[in-house]
């Protein structure tokens, strides 16, 4: 594979399924080498094989549990060293959770904030030094329409995603002069395996939701804009409404 200086490389978290997998595939089809991050080695290996079979683009497998916060920054830095300079970081990994705020335990609250916000912060810190060294980079944070609209039972989740939006805004103003772009993409409901997790109790029409591929195309578009332009915030909703 061509590894010249104009070869783009990306880290995608939560890359084993859903939006992360679709984004990794979309990147590879556009010639971007991808470092795949998730907890499951087997699922990541399957995605990497699919990418390499279809595109012959380099895909690296990096199993990391992003909920173990103390090791995230160091492990992301190691990926930068091992895989090559990282041009694009897509912070997509996260968890969904439904419960009334009055019923949300401190343990659950902390788990949501740790994974949806603090791990994102640590991934960013992992890539910033080498992006700054090259005065170039794009950091794309996947938030949610729940960051802007309150939905019953989705309080803790929405709060964690609103914090991601605030993190993105702060990062954008701090790193702009270092040549680093920050993008927040806030999708409406997306038909992914997150609806099948045991922390979510919701009964929505999944056929009316966005597909992961549509969100991935939006992420790819933001990543491939000319360097002097940036889509700082993008909200993508199903044609039928936000759900």
C-alpha atoms as a PDB file:
ATOM      1  CA  UNK A   1       0.000   0.000   0.000  1.00  0.00           C
ATOM      2  CA  UNK A   2       1.212   3.489  -0.799  1.00  0.00           C
ATOM      3  CA  UNK A   3       2.401   5.105   2.427  1.00  0.00           C
ATOM      4  CA  UNK A   4       3.572   8.383   0.959  1.00  0.00           C
ATOM      5  CA  UNK A   5       3.172  11.659   2.781  1.00  0.00           C
ATOM      6  CA  UNK A   6      -0.197  12.314   1.128  1.00  0.00           C
ATOM      7  CA  UNK A   7      -1.650   9.000   2.347  1.00  0.00           C
ATOM      8  CA  UNK A   8      -4.449   9.761   4.818  1.00  0.00           C
ATOM      9  CA  UNK A   9      -4.777   7.645   7.957  1.00  0.00           C
ATOM     10  CA  UNK A  10      -7.655   7.563  10.430  1.00  0.00           C
ATOM     11  CA  UNK A  11      -8.502   6.113  13.816  1.00  0.00           C
ATOM     12  CA  UNK A  12     -12.152   5.078  14.181  1.00  0.00           C
ATOM     13  CA  UNK A  13     -13.422   4.091  17.624  1.00  0.00           C
ATOM     14  CA  UNK A  14     -16.395   1.787  18.037  1.00  0.00           C
ATOM     15  CA  UNK A  15     -15.370   0.345  14.664  1.00  0.00           C
ATOM     16  CA  UNK A  16     -16.715  -3.187  15.140  1.00  0.00           C
ATOM     17  CA  UNK A  17     -20.344  -2.369  14.272  1.00  0.00           C
ATOM     18  CA  UNK A  18     -22.870   0.358  13.464  1.00  0.00           C
ATOM     19  CA  UNK A  19     -21.667   3.840  12.561  1.00  0.00           C
ATOM     20  CA  UNK A  20     -18.039   3.016  13.317  1.00  0.00           C
ATOM     21  CA  UNK A  21     -17.917   0.020  10.988  1.00  0.00           C
ATOM     22  CA  UNK A  22     -19.743   1.904   8.232  1.00  0.00           C
ATOM     23  CA  UNK A  23     -17.345   4.839   8.621  1.00  0.00           C
ATOM     24  CA  UNK A  24     -14.278   2.597   8.463  1.00  0.00           C
ATOM     25  CA  UNK A  25     -15.589   1.019   5.251  1.00  0.00           C
ATOM     26  CA  UNK A  26     -16.449   4.402   3.731  1.00  0.00           C
ATOM     27  CA  UNK A  27     -12.974   5.713   4.576  1.00  0.00           C
ATOM     28  CA  UNK A  28     -11.255   2.660   3.083  1.00  0.00           C
ATOM     29  CA  UNK A  29     -13.300   2.930  -0.112  1.00  0.00           C
ATOM     30  CA  UNK A  30     -12.003   6.501  -0.381  1.00  0.00           C
ATOM     31  CA  UNK A  31      -8.406   5.368   0.043  1.00  0.00           C
ATOM     32  CA  UNK A  32      -7.993   6.252   3.728  1.00  0.00           C
ATOM     33  CA  UNK A  33      -6.070   3.729   5.832  1.00  0.00           C
ATOM     34  CA  UNK A  34      -7.947   2.906   9.029  1.00  0.00           C
ATOM     35  CA  UNK A  35      -6.928   1.910  12.548  1.00  0.00           C
ATOM     36  CA  UNK A  36      -9.929   0.101  14.010  1.00  0.00           C
ATOM     37  CA  UNK A  37     -10.593   0.479  17.736  1.00  0.00           C
ATOM     38  CA  UNK A  38     -13.148  -1.469  19.785  1.00  0.00           C
ATOM     39  CA  UNK A  39     -13.231  -4.038  22.575  1.00  0.00           C
ATOM     40  CA  UNK A  40     -13.786  -7.106  20.397  1.00  0.00           C
ATOM     41  CA  UNK A  41     -10.693  -8.442  18.617  1.00  0.00           C
ATOM     42  CA  UNK A  42     -12.776 -10.929  16.614  1.00  0.00           C
ATOM     43  CA  UNK A  43     -15.281  -8.352  15.358  1.00  0.00           C
ATOM     44  CA  UNK A  44     -12.507  -5.902  14.473  1.00  0.00           C
ATOM     45  CA  UNK A  45     -10.621  -8.613  12.609  1.00  0.00           C
ATOM     46  CA  UNK A  46     -13.763  -9.358  10.583  1.00  0.00           C
ATOM     47  CA  UNK A  47     -14.123  -5.671   9.662  1.00  0.00           C
ATOM     48  CA  UNK A  48     -10.435  -5.448   8.743  1.00  0.00           C
ATOM     49  CA  UNK A  49     -10.749  -8.528   6.525  1.00  0.00           C
ATOM     50  CA  UNK A  50     -13.810  -7.038   4.803  1.00  0.00           C
ATOM     51  CA  UNK A  51     -11.923  -3.787   4.176  1.00  0.00           C
ATOM     52  CA  UNK A  52      -8.816  -5.493   2.835  1.00  0.00           C
ATOM     53  CA  UNK A  53     -10.792  -7.910   0.658  1.00  0.00           C
ATOM     54  CA  UNK A  54     -12.856  -5.149  -0.910  1.00  0.00           C
ATOM     55  CA  UNK A  55     -10.353  -2.301  -1.125  1.00  0.00           C
ATOM     56  CA  UNK A  56      -6.803  -3.589  -0.485  1.00  0.00           C
ATOM     57  CA  UNK A  57      -6.475  -0.612   1.888  1.00  0.00           C
ATOM     58  CA  UNK A  58      -4.485  -1.098   5.081  1.00  0.00           C
ATOM     59  CA  UNK A  59      -6.641  -1.717   8.160  1.00  0.00           C
ATOM     60  CA  UNK A  60      -5.150  -2.179  11.627  1.00  0.00           C
ATOM     61  CA  UNK A  61      -6.860  -3.973  14.523  1.00  0.00           C
ATOM     62  CA  UNK A  62      -6.461  -2.376  17.961  1.00  0.00           C
ATOM     63  CA  UNK A  63      -8.625  -3.919  20.702  1.00  0.00           C
ATOM     64  CA  UNK A  64      -8.979  -1.310  23.462  1.00  0.00           C
ATOM     65  CA  UNK A  65     -11.536  -1.077  26.258  1.00  0.00           C
ATOM     66  CA  UNK A  66     -12.184   2.662  26.269  1.00  0.00           C
ATOM     67  CA  UNK A  67     -13.970   2.400  29.620  1.00  0.00           C
ATOM     68  CA  UNK A  68     -10.595   1.772  31.299  1.00  0.00           C
ATOM     69  CA  UNK A  69      -9.801   5.469  31.220  1.00  0.00           C
ATOM     70  CA  UNK A  70      -6.317   5.392  32.700  1.00  0.00           C
ATOM     71  CA  UNK A  71      -4.865   3.607  29.677  1.00  0.00           C
ATOM     72  CA  UNK A  72      -6.768   5.235  26.794  1.00  0.00           C
ATOM     73  CA  UNK A  73      -4.504   8.196  26.057  1.00  0.00           C
ATOM     74  CA  UNK A  74      -1.348   6.073  26.067  1.00  0.00           C
ATOM     75  CA  UNK A  75      -2.912   3.399  23.856  1.00  0.00           C
ATOM     76  CA  UNK A  76      -4.105   5.943  21.307  1.00  0.00           C
ATOM     77  CA  UNK A  77      -0.616   7.485  21.236  1.00  0.00           C
ATOM     78  CA  UNK A  78       0.792   3.991  20.592  1.00  0.00           C
ATOM     79  CA  UNK A  79      -1.557   3.600  17.611  1.00  0.00           C
ATOM     80  CA  UNK A  80      -0.240   6.883  16.189  1.00  0.00           C
ATOM     81  CA  UNK A  81       3.318   5.563  16.529  1.00  0.00           C
ATOM     82  CA  UNK A  82       2.530   2.090  15.187  1.00  0.00           C
ATOM     83  CA  UNK A  83       0.088   2.824  12.368  1.00  0.00           C
ATOM     84  CA  UNK A  84       1.631   6.045  11.153  1.00  0.00           C
ATOM     85  CA  UNK A  85       0.754   9.702  11.593  1.00  0.00           C
ATOM     86  CA  UNK A  86      -2.996  10.040  12.154  1.00  0.00           C
ATOM     87  CA  UNK A  87      -4.814  12.623  10.040  1.00  0.00           C
ATOM     88  CA  UNK A  88      -8.368  11.907  11.211  1.00  0.00           C
ATOM     89  CA  UNK A  89      -9.759  10.776  14.567  1.00  0.00           C
ATOM     90  CA  UNK A  90     -13.404   9.689  14.643  1.00  0.00           C
ATOM     91  CA  UNK A  91     -14.666   9.460  18.219  1.00  0.00           C
ATOM     92  CA  UNK A  92     -17.695   7.272  17.692  1.00  0.00           C
ATOM     93  CA  UNK A  93     -17.564   4.732  20.543  1.00  0.00           C
ATOM     94  CA  UNK A  94     -20.174   5.209  23.230  1.00  0.00           C
ATOM     95  CA  UNK A  95     -23.114   3.677  25.010  1.00  0.00           C
ATOM     96  CA  UNK A  96     -26.816   4.393  25.053  1.00  0.00           C
ATOM     97  CA  UNK A  97     -28.838   4.339  28.239  1.00  0.00           C
ATOM     98  CA  UNK A  98     -32.457   4.918  29.151  1.00  0.00           C
ATOM     99  CA  UNK A  99     -33.791   5.669  32.607  1.00  0.00           C
ATOM    100  CA  UNK A 100     -35.451   8.554  34.403  1.00  0.00           C
ATOM    101  CA  UNK A 101     -32.888  10.842  36.009  1.00  0.00           C
ATOM    102  CA  UNK A 102     -34.532  10.168  39.376  1.00  0.00           C
ATOM    103  CA  UNK A 103     -33.832   6.440  38.907  1.00  0.00           C
ATOM    104  CA  UNK A 104     -30.329   6.725  37.426  1.00  0.00           C
ATOM    105  CA  UNK A 105     -27.766   5.353  39.859  1.00  0.00           C
ATOM    106  CA  UNK A 106     -24.473   7.117  40.456  1.00  0.00           C
ATOM    107  CA  UNK A 107     -22.690   4.054  39.084  1.00  0.00           C
ATOM    108  CA  UNK A 108     -24.697   4.177  35.842  1.00  0.00           C
ATOM    109  CA  UNK A 109     -24.220   7.938  35.554  1.00  0.00           C
ATOM    110  CA  UNK A 110     -20.466   7.600  35.964  1.00  0.00           C
ATOM    111  CA  UNK A 111     -20.282   4.807  33.399  1.00  0.00           C
ATOM    112  CA  UNK A 112     -22.100   6.931  30.807  1.00  0.00           C
ATOM    113  CA  UNK A 113     -19.946  10.011  31.416  1.00  0.00           C
ATOM    114  CA  UNK A 114     -16.760   7.915  31.445  1.00  0.00           C
ATOM    115  CA  UNK A 115     -17.417   6.245  28.106  1.00  0.00           C
ATOM    116  CA  UNK A 116     -19.334   8.922  26.189  1.00  0.00           C
ATOM    117  CA  UNK A 117     -17.293  11.934  27.324  1.00  0.00           C
ATOM    118  CA  UNK A 118     -14.088  11.210  29.225  1.00  0.00           C
ATOM    119  CA  UNK A 119     -12.835   8.495  26.864  1.00  0.00           C
ATOM    120  CA  UNK A 120     -13.375  10.944  23.980  1.00  0.00           C
ATOM    121  CA  UNK A 121     -11.283  13.523  25.852  1.00  0.00           C
ATOM    122  CA  UNK A 122      -8.537  10.931  26.353  1.00  0.00           C
ATOM    123  CA  UNK A 123      -8.554   9.842  22.691  1.00  0.00           C
ATOM    124  CA  UNK A 124      -8.204  13.495  21.674  1.00  0.00           C
ATOM    125  CA  UNK A 125      -5.250  13.973  24.004  1.00  0.00           C
ATOM    126  CA  UNK A 126      -3.680  10.853  22.471  1.00  0.00           C
ATOM    127  CA  UNK A 127      -3.640  12.260  18.919  1.00  0.00           C
ATOM    128  CA  UNK A 128      -3.079  15.970  19.561  1.00  0.00           C
ATOM    129  CA  UNK A 129       0.727  16.000  19.957  1.00  0.00           C
ATOM    130  CA  UNK A 130       1.471  14.476  16.559  1.00  0.00           C
ATOM    131  CA  UNK A 131      -1.314  16.450  14.850  1.00  0.00           C
ATOM    132  CA  UNK A 132       0.239  19.614  16.281  1.00  0.00           C
ATOM    133  CA  UNK A 133       3.687  18.513  15.114  1.00  0.00           C
ATOM    134  CA  UNK A 134       2.366  18.391  11.554  1.00  0.00           C
ATOM    135  CA  UNK A 135       0.016  21.407  11.908  1.00  0.00           C
ATOM    136  CA  UNK A 136      -2.734  19.266  10.465  1.00  0.00           C
ATOM    137  CA  UNK A 137      -5.567  17.013  11.592  1.00  0.00           C
ATOM    138  CA  UNK A 138      -9.310  16.547  11.786  1.00  0.00           C
ATOM    139  CA  UNK A 139     -11.105  15.389  14.937  1.00  0.00           C
ATOM    140  CA  UNK A 140     -14.697  14.254  14.399  1.00  0.00           C
ATOM    141  CA  UNK A 141     -16.843  13.681  17.479  1.00  0.00           C
ATOM    142  CA  UNK A 142     -20.123  11.798  17.125  1.00  0.00           C
ATOM    143  CA  UNK A 143     -22.700  13.360  19.456  1.00  0.00           C
ATOM    144  CA  UNK A 144     -26.478  13.021  19.096  1.00  0.00           C
ATOM    145  CA  UNK A 145     -29.607  14.995  18.467  1.00  0.00           C
ATOM    146  CA  UNK A 146     -30.250  14.227  22.147  1.00  0.00           C
ATOM    147  CA  UNK A 147     -27.570  16.833  22.881  1.00  0.00           C
ATOM    148  CA  UNK A 148     -30.029  19.520  21.750  1.00  0.00           C
ATOM    149  CA  UNK A 149     -33.437  18.012  22.426  1.00  0.00           C
ATOM    150  CA  UNK A 150     -34.515  16.488  25.733  1.00  0.00           C
ATOM    151  CA  UNK A 151     -36.266  13.137  25.492  1.00  0.00           C
ATOM    152  CA  UNK A 152     -37.891  11.453  28.511  1.00  0.00           C
ATOM    153  CA  UNK A 153     -35.718   8.630  29.913  1.00  0.00           C
ATOM    154  CA  UNK A 154     -32.707   9.789  27.871  1.00  0.00           C
ATOM    155  CA  UNK A 155     -31.472  12.420  30.349  1.00  0.00           C
ATOM    156  CA  UNK A 156     -28.068  11.012  31.290  1.00  0.00           C
ATOM    157  CA  UNK A 157     -27.320  10.053  27.682  1.00  0.00           C
ATOM    158  CA  UNK A 158     -28.352  13.467  26.340  1.00  0.00           C
ATOM    159  CA  UNK A 159     -26.279  15.233  28.988  1.00  0.00           C
ATOM    160  CA  UNK A 160     -23.198  13.192  28.063  1.00  0.00           C
ATOM    161  CA  UNK A 161     -23.658  14.066  24.390  1.00  0.00           C
ATOM    162  CA  UNK A 162     -24.285  17.765  25.120  1.00  0.00           C
ATOM    163  CA  UNK A 163     -20.964  17.700  26.949  1.00  0.00           C
ATOM    164  CA  UNK A 164     -19.324  16.234  23.826  1.00  0.00           C
ATOM    165  CA  UNK A 165     -20.675  19.200  21.842  1.00  0.00           C
ATOM    166  CA  UNK A 166     -19.205  21.608  24.411  1.00  0.00           C
ATOM    167  CA  UNK A 167     -15.892  19.711  24.329  1.00  0.00           C
ATOM    168  CA  UNK A 168     -15.795  20.024  20.543  1.00  0.00           C
ATOM    169  CA  UNK A 169     -16.416  23.774  20.655  1.00  0.00           C
ATOM    170  CA  UNK A 170     -13.671  24.321  23.214  1.00  0.00           C
ATOM    171  CA  UNK A 171     -11.254  22.139  21.249  1.00  0.00           C
ATOM    172  CA  UNK A 172     -12.044  23.977  18.016  1.00  0.00           C
ATOM    173  CA  UNK A 173     -11.091  27.387  19.377  1.00  0.00           C
ATOM    174  CA  UNK A 174      -7.973  26.071  21.127  1.00  0.00           C
ATOM    175  CA  UNK A 175      -6.569  24.069  18.218  1.00  0.00           C
ATOM    176  CA  UNK A 176      -7.616  26.098  15.167  1.00  0.00           C
ATOM    177  CA  UNK A 177      -4.312  27.986  15.109  1.00  0.00           C
ATOM    178  CA  UNK A 178      -2.504  24.630  15.221  1.00  0.00           C
ATOM    179  CA  UNK A 179      -4.098  23.574  11.933  1.00  0.00           C
ATOM    180  CA  UNK A 180      -6.498  21.135  13.593  1.00  0.00           C
ATOM    181  CA  UNK A 181     -10.173  21.034  12.618  1.00  0.00           C
ATOM    182  CA  UNK A 182     -12.918  19.889  14.978  1.00  0.00           C
ATOM    183  CA  UNK A 183     -16.252  18.549  13.731  1.00  0.00           C
ATOM    184  CA  UNK A 184     -19.331  17.511  15.708  1.00  0.00           C
ATOM    185  CA  UNK A 185     -21.876  15.325  13.973  1.00  0.00           C
ATOM    186  CA  UNK A 186     -25.188  14.834  15.766  1.00  0.00           C
ATOM    187  CA  UNK A 187     -27.354  12.142  14.191  1.00  0.00           C
ATOM    188  CA  UNK A 188     -30.969  11.455  14.920  1.00  0.00           C
ATOM    189  CA  UNK A 189     -31.882   7.844  15.594  1.00  0.00           C
ATOM    190  CA  UNK A 190     -29.671   5.396  13.698  1.00  0.00           C
ATOM    191  CA  UNK A 191     -30.522   1.740  13.161  1.00  0.00           C
ATOM    192  CA  UNK A 192     -27.561   0.093  14.895  1.00  0.00           C
ATOM    193  CA  UNK A 193     -27.065  -2.718  17.435  1.00  0.00           C
ATOM    194  CA  UNK A 194     -27.117  -0.095  20.216  1.00  0.00           C
ATOM    195  CA  UNK A 195     -30.915  -0.569  20.391  1.00  0.00           C
ATOM    196  CA  UNK A 196     -30.365  -4.196  21.361  1.00  0.00           C
ATOM    197  CA  UNK A 197     -28.108  -3.474  24.346  1.00  0.00           C
ATOM    198  CA  UNK A 198     -29.342  -4.181  27.855  1.00  0.00           C
ATOM    199  CA  UNK A 199     -29.022  -0.519  28.950  1.00  0.00           C
ATOM    200  CA  UNK A 200     -31.657   0.611  26.422  1.00  0.00           C
ATOM    201  CA  UNK A 201     -35.389   0.119  26.842  1.00  0.00           C
ATOM    202  CA  UNK A 202     -36.979   1.759  23.822  1.00  0.00           C
ATOM    203  CA  UNK A 203     -39.416   0.628  21.178  1.00  0.00           C
ATOM    204  CA  UNK A 204     -38.945   2.711  18.033  1.00  0.00           C
ATOM    205  CA  UNK A 205     -39.602   1.890  14.389  1.00  0.00           C
ATOM    206  CA  UNK A 206     -36.084   1.064  13.297  1.00  0.00           C
ATOM    207  CA  UNK A 207     -37.022   1.115   9.623  1.00  0.00           C
ATOM    208  CA  UNK A 208     -37.681   4.860   9.940  1.00  0.00           C
ATOM    209  CA  UNK A 209     -34.212   5.518  11.345  1.00  0.00           C
ATOM    210  CA  UNK A 210     -31.067   6.640   9.558  1.00  0.00           C
ATOM    211  CA  UNK A 211     -28.774   3.897   8.332  1.00  0.00           C
ATOM    212  CA  UNK A 212     -25.186   3.811   9.606  1.00  0.00           C
ATOM    213  CA  UNK A 213     -24.055   4.256   6.002  1.00  0.00           C
ATOM    214  CA  UNK A 214     -25.777   7.639   5.690  1.00  0.00           C
ATOM    215  CA  UNK A 215     -24.055   8.896   8.841  1.00  0.00           C
ATOM    216  CA  UNK A 216     -20.746   7.462   7.602  1.00  0.00           C
ATOM    217  CA  UNK A 217     -21.067   9.392   4.340  1.00  0.00           C
ATOM    218  CA  UNK A 218     -21.602  12.597   6.328  1.00  0.00           C
ATOM    219  CA  UNK A 219     -18.484  11.876   8.393  1.00  0.00           C
ATOM    220  CA  UNK A 220     -16.483  11.141   5.234  1.00  0.00           C
ATOM    221  CA  UNK A 221     -17.668  14.381   3.641  1.00  0.00           C
ATOM    222  CA  UNK A 222     -16.518  16.397   6.661  1.00  0.00           C
ATOM    223  CA  UNK A 223     -13.166  14.582   6.730  1.00  0.00           C
ATOM    224  CA  UNK A 224     -12.411  15.187   3.048  1.00  0.00           C
ATOM    225  CA  UNK A 225     -13.221  18.896   2.886  1.00  0.00           C
ATOM    226  CA  UNK A 226     -10.302  21.043   1.684  1.00  0.00           C
ATOM    227  CA  UNK A 227      -8.034  21.897   4.584  1.00  0.00           C
ATOM    228  CA  UNK A 228      -9.050  25.572   4.664  1.00  0.00           C
ATOM    229  CA  UNK A 229     -12.725  24.662   5.229  1.00  0.00           C
ATOM    230  CA  UNK A 230     -14.515  22.958   8.089  1.00  0.00           C
ATOM    231  CA  UNK A 231     -18.056  21.829   8.892  1.00  0.00           C
ATOM    232  CA  UNK A 232     -17.948  22.545  12.609  1.00  0.00           C
ATOM    233  CA  UNK A 233     -21.407  21.182  13.394  1.00  0.00           C
ATOM    234  CA  UNK A 234     -23.665  18.873  11.456  1.00  0.00           C
ATOM    235  CA  UNK A 235     -27.104  17.562  12.441  1.00  0.00           C
ATOM    236  CA  UNK A 236     -28.368  14.636  10.358  1.00  0.00           C
ATOM    237  CA  UNK A 237     -31.915  13.397  10.895  1.00  0.00           C
ATOM    238  CA  UNK A 238     -34.194  10.917   9.149  1.00  0.00           C
ATOM    239  CA  UNK A 239     -36.440  12.459   6.504  1.00  0.00           C
ATOM    240  CA  UNK A 240     -39.444  11.665   8.670  1.00  0.00           C
ATOM    241  CA  UNK A 241     -38.153  13.591  11.659  1.00  0.00           C
ATOM    242  CA  UNK A 242     -35.780  13.246  14.569  1.00  0.00           C
ATOM    243  CA  UNK A 243     -37.465  10.251  16.232  1.00  0.00           C
END
